[in-house]
């Protein structure tokens, strides 16, 4: 019986699952639908497998991607929402401190950069202490031929007791994606491979602009 309980707890906490090859932190006001999260994780996994860029980090034949969600609705007066937002912010600080996520999917990149000043310059370096802008630090999802071309399907989820549905690409179109910089020698695992993937995403911006 004890073994069964441990197994169930381990599965719930992902203790028995392989470590992700790279992680993406989503920061916004509301959780992404589960269908969209699953589609994103699968799409990025397939993207790495399809690219001839040696992105099989763990050499196990499959790239594992994990989306970490950090949501905070500061406009809500609800006490439970405030508690959840505080807990989410603490978790985000932990992610940043531990260098878990290399990529950041952002609803409001300007606010994120002003608060954390973590988004890297176009060359991967850290911005100057006086630079809290997001210019040349983030990519608009809809402007990337690679990102906007991912097959993410539709989503269906419960929101305030009502079921909502829609197209995942339409949901993400106005979001931005950026990569973090590192102020110390401590970096995200597989940072070089993640940087290579970022370069491909950046190139897809130029490809779309040229067409």
Protein backbone atom coordinates (compact mmCIF):
# COMPACT_ATOMS: atom_id res chain seq x y z
CA UNK A 1 0.00 0.00 0.00
CA UNK A 2 2.82 2.41 0.92
CA UNK A 3 4.44 1.77 -2.46
CA UNK A 4 1.21 2.57 -4.29
CA UNK A 5 0.82 5.84 -2.38
CA UNK A 6 4.41 6.82 -3.16
CA UNK A 7 3.91 5.99 -6.82
CA UNK A 8 0.74 8.10 -7.03
CA UNK A 9 2.39 11.01 -5.22
CA UNK A 10 5.46 10.75 -7.42
CA UNK A 11 3.38 10.83 -10.59
CA UNK A 12 1.39 13.83 -9.35
CA UNK A 13 4.60 15.73 -8.62
CA UNK A 14 6.31 14.48 -11.81
CA UNK A 15 9.04 12.86 -9.69
CA UNK A 16 9.12 9.75 -11.87
CA UNK A 17 9.03 11.61 -15.16
CA UNK A 18 12.19 12.42 -17.15
CA UNK A 19 13.57 15.89 -16.58
CA UNK A 20 12.58 18.36 -19.30
CA UNK A 21 15.18 19.26 -21.90
CA UNK A 22 14.11 22.88 -21.79
CA UNK A 23 11.42 24.90 -20.09
CA UNK A 24 9.26 27.86 -21.08
CA UNK A 25 7.82 30.22 -18.46
CA UNK A 26 4.46 31.73 -19.28
CA UNK A 27 3.73 34.98 -17.41
CA UNK A 28 0.25 36.47 -17.80
CA UNK A 29 -2.99 37.36 -16.06
CA UNK A 30 -4.77 34.03 -16.58
CA UNK A 31 -3.70 30.42 -17.01
CA UNK A 32 -3.39 29.14 -20.53
CA UNK A 33 -5.95 26.42 -21.36
CA UNK A 34 -4.66 22.90 -20.74
CA UNK A 35 -5.23 22.01 -24.40
CA UNK A 36 -3.04 24.93 -25.48
CA UNK A 37 -0.28 24.02 -23.00
CA UNK A 38 -0.22 20.41 -24.17
CA UNK A 39 -0.17 21.50 -27.81
CA UNK A 40 2.69 23.93 -27.14
CA UNK A 41 4.78 21.31 -25.35
CA UNK A 42 4.24 18.79 -28.14
CA UNK A 43 4.87 21.35 -30.89
CA UNK A 44 8.16 22.54 -29.40
CA UNK A 45 9.21 18.94 -28.82
CA UNK A 46 8.51 18.11 -32.47
CA UNK A 47 10.22 21.31 -33.57
CA UNK A 48 13.42 20.29 -31.87
CA UNK A 49 13.23 16.75 -33.23
CA UNK A 50 12.60 17.92 -36.79
CA UNK A 51 15.43 20.44 -36.85
CA UNK A 52 18.86 19.15 -37.82
CA UNK A 53 20.41 21.08 -34.96
CA UNK A 54 21.42 18.39 -32.47
CA UNK A 55 18.65 19.44 -30.10
CA UNK A 56 18.21 16.00 -28.55
CA UNK A 57 19.74 17.25 -25.32
CA UNK A 58 19.51 14.07 -23.27
CA UNK A 59 20.24 11.73 -26.18
CA UNK A 60 17.11 9.75 -25.33
CA UNK A 61 15.42 10.09 -28.70
CA UNK A 62 12.80 12.59 -27.53
CA UNK A 63 12.92 16.22 -26.55
CA UNK A 64 10.81 17.00 -23.48
CA UNK A 65 9.44 20.52 -23.11
CA UNK A 66 7.71 21.87 -20.02
CA UNK A 67 5.53 24.99 -19.80
CA UNK A 68 5.65 26.65 -16.37
CA UNK A 69 2.67 28.95 -15.77
CA UNK A 70 2.94 32.02 -13.54
CA UNK A 71 -0.27 34.04 -13.50
CA UNK A 72 -1.15 37.16 -11.58
CA UNK A 73 -4.30 39.26 -11.88
CA UNK A 74 -3.42 42.35 -9.86
CA UNK A 75 -6.72 43.99 -10.83
CA UNK A 76 -8.86 41.43 -8.99
CA UNK A 77 -10.06 42.43 -5.48
CA UNK A 78 -10.72 38.80 -4.59
CA UNK A 79 -8.61 37.67 -1.62
CA UNK A 80 -8.12 34.17 -3.04
CA UNK A 81 -6.93 35.66 -6.33
CA UNK A 82 -4.47 37.87 -4.42
CA UNK A 83 -3.13 34.86 -2.51
CA UNK A 84 -2.76 32.89 -5.74
CA UNK A 85 -0.99 35.81 -7.41
CA UNK A 86 1.46 36.12 -4.53
CA UNK A 87 2.21 32.39 -4.59
CA UNK A 88 2.67 32.54 -8.37
CA UNK A 89 5.10 35.46 -8.07
CA UNK A 90 7.14 33.57 -5.47
CA UNK A 91 7.26 30.54 -7.79
CA UNK A 92 8.40 32.75 -10.67
CA UNK A 93 11.20 34.19 -8.53
CA UNK A 94 12.24 30.62 -7.74
CA UNK A 95 12.24 29.72 -11.44
CA UNK A 96 14.41 32.74 -12.22
CA UNK A 97 16.77 32.09 -9.32
CA UNK A 98 17.19 28.41 -10.20
CA UNK A 99 17.56 29.18 -13.93
CA UNK A 100 14.79 26.70 -14.78
CA UNK A 101 13.22 28.44 -17.79
CA UNK A 102 15.25 29.76 -20.70
CA UNK A 103 12.31 31.03 -22.75
CA UNK A 104 9.62 33.41 -21.49
CA UNK A 105 6.17 33.63 -23.07
CA UNK A 106 4.82 37.00 -22.00
CA UNK A 107 1.49 38.77 -22.11
CA UNK A 108 3.07 42.07 -21.03
CA UNK A 109 6.83 42.05 -21.75
CA UNK A 110 7.31 45.70 -20.78
CA UNK A 111 5.97 45.12 -17.28
CA UNK A 112 8.02 41.94 -16.92
CA UNK A 113 11.24 43.64 -18.00
CA UNK A 114 10.69 46.64 -15.74
CA UNK A 115 10.18 44.33 -12.80
CA UNK A 116 12.85 41.69 -13.46
CA UNK A 117 15.19 43.13 -16.14
CA UNK A 118 15.89 39.57 -17.24
CA UNK A 119 15.26 39.59 -20.99
CA UNK A 120 18.46 39.32 -23.01
CA UNK A 121 19.65 41.66 -25.71
CA UNK A 122 19.58 40.39 -29.29
CA UNK A 123 23.12 39.01 -28.86
CA UNK A 124 22.23 37.18 -25.65
CA UNK A 125 23.97 39.63 -23.32
CA UNK A 126 22.32 41.21 -20.28
CA UNK A 127 20.96 44.74 -20.66
CA UNK A 128 22.51 47.71 -18.94
CA UNK A 129 21.11 48.44 -15.48
CA UNK A 130 19.42 51.56 -16.85
CA UNK A 131 17.83 49.70 -19.79
CA UNK A 132 14.36 48.39 -18.98
CA UNK A 133 13.12 48.42 -22.57
CA UNK A 134 12.07 45.38 -24.58
CA UNK A 135 13.31 46.67 -27.93
CA UNK A 136 15.10 43.86 -29.82
CA UNK A 137 14.59 41.57 -26.81
CA UNK A 138 11.27 39.90 -27.63
CA UNK A 139 9.50 38.46 -30.66
CA UNK A 140 5.81 38.97 -31.33
CA UNK A 141 4.29 35.52 -31.73
CA UNK A 142 2.22 36.45 -34.80
CA UNK A 143 5.27 37.90 -36.57
CA UNK A 144 7.27 34.66 -36.44
CA UNK A 145 6.63 32.33 -39.36
CA UNK A 146 7.92 29.43 -37.25
CA UNK A 147 5.77 30.13 -34.19
CA UNK A 148 2.61 31.21 -36.00
CA UNK A 149 2.96 28.16 -38.25
CA UNK A 150 2.83 25.63 -35.41
CA UNK A 151 -0.20 23.34 -35.47
CA UNK A 152 -1.72 24.01 -32.03
CA UNK A 153 -5.33 23.16 -32.77
CA UNK A 154 -8.19 24.41 -30.62
CA UNK A 155 -8.85 24.55 -26.88
CA UNK A 156 -11.83 24.05 -24.64
CA UNK A 157 -11.76 25.03 -20.97
CA UNK A 158 -13.91 26.15 -18.05
CA UNK A 159 -13.74 29.84 -17.12
CA UNK A 160 -15.85 31.23 -14.27
CA UNK A 161 -18.09 28.19 -14.50
CA UNK A 162 -18.61 28.52 -18.24
CA UNK A 163 -17.00 26.51 -20.98
CA UNK A 164 -15.01 28.55 -23.46
CA UNK A 165 -13.30 27.44 -26.64
CA UNK A 166 -11.19 28.92 -29.38
CA UNK A 167 -8.14 28.62 -31.58
CA UNK A 168 -4.81 28.36 -29.75
CA UNK A 169 -2.90 30.30 -32.40
CA UNK A 170 -5.39 33.15 -32.15
CA UNK A 171 -5.01 33.07 -28.37
CA UNK A 172 -1.22 33.41 -28.58
CA UNK A 173 -1.04 35.84 -31.51
CA UNK A 174 -0.56 38.95 -29.35
CA UNK A 175 1.88 37.35 -26.91
CA UNK A 176 5.64 37.80 -26.98
CA UNK A 177 8.49 35.38 -26.48
CA UNK A 178 11.92 36.28 -25.17
CA UNK A 179 14.96 34.57 -23.73
CA UNK A 180 16.64 35.22 -20.43
CA UNK A 181 20.16 36.45 -19.84
CA UNK A 182 22.52 35.29 -17.12
CA UNK A 183 24.20 37.71 -14.77
CA UNK A 184 26.37 34.99 -13.19
CA UNK A 185 28.12 31.83 -14.36
CA UNK A 186 25.03 29.80 -13.42
CA UNK A 187 22.96 29.10 -16.52
CA UNK A 188 19.97 27.07 -17.63
CA UNK A 189 20.70 23.46 -18.56
CA UNK A 190 21.33 23.06 -22.29
CA UNK A 191 21.67 26.84 -22.63
CA UNK A 192 23.74 26.52 -25.83
CA UNK A 193 21.09 24.38 -27.52
CA UNK A 194 18.35 26.72 -26.32
CA UNK A 195 20.30 29.64 -27.78
CA UNK A 196 20.51 27.82 -31.10
CA UNK A 197 16.73 27.35 -31.09
CA UNK A 198 16.27 31.04 -30.27
CA UNK A 199 18.42 31.96 -33.27
CA UNK A 200 16.12 29.91 -35.49
CA UNK A 201 13.07 31.67 -34.07
CA UNK A 202 14.73 35.04 -34.69
CA UNK A 203 15.54 34.08 -38.27
CA UNK A 204 11.88 33.23 -38.83
CA UNK A 205 11.05 36.86 -38.07
CA UNK A 206 13.22 38.01 -40.94
CA UNK A 207 11.76 35.37 -43.24
CA UNK A 208 8.22 36.59 -42.58
CA UNK A 209 9.23 40.23 -43.02
CA UNK A 210 10.83 39.46 -46.37
CA UNK A 211 7.73 37.71 -47.72
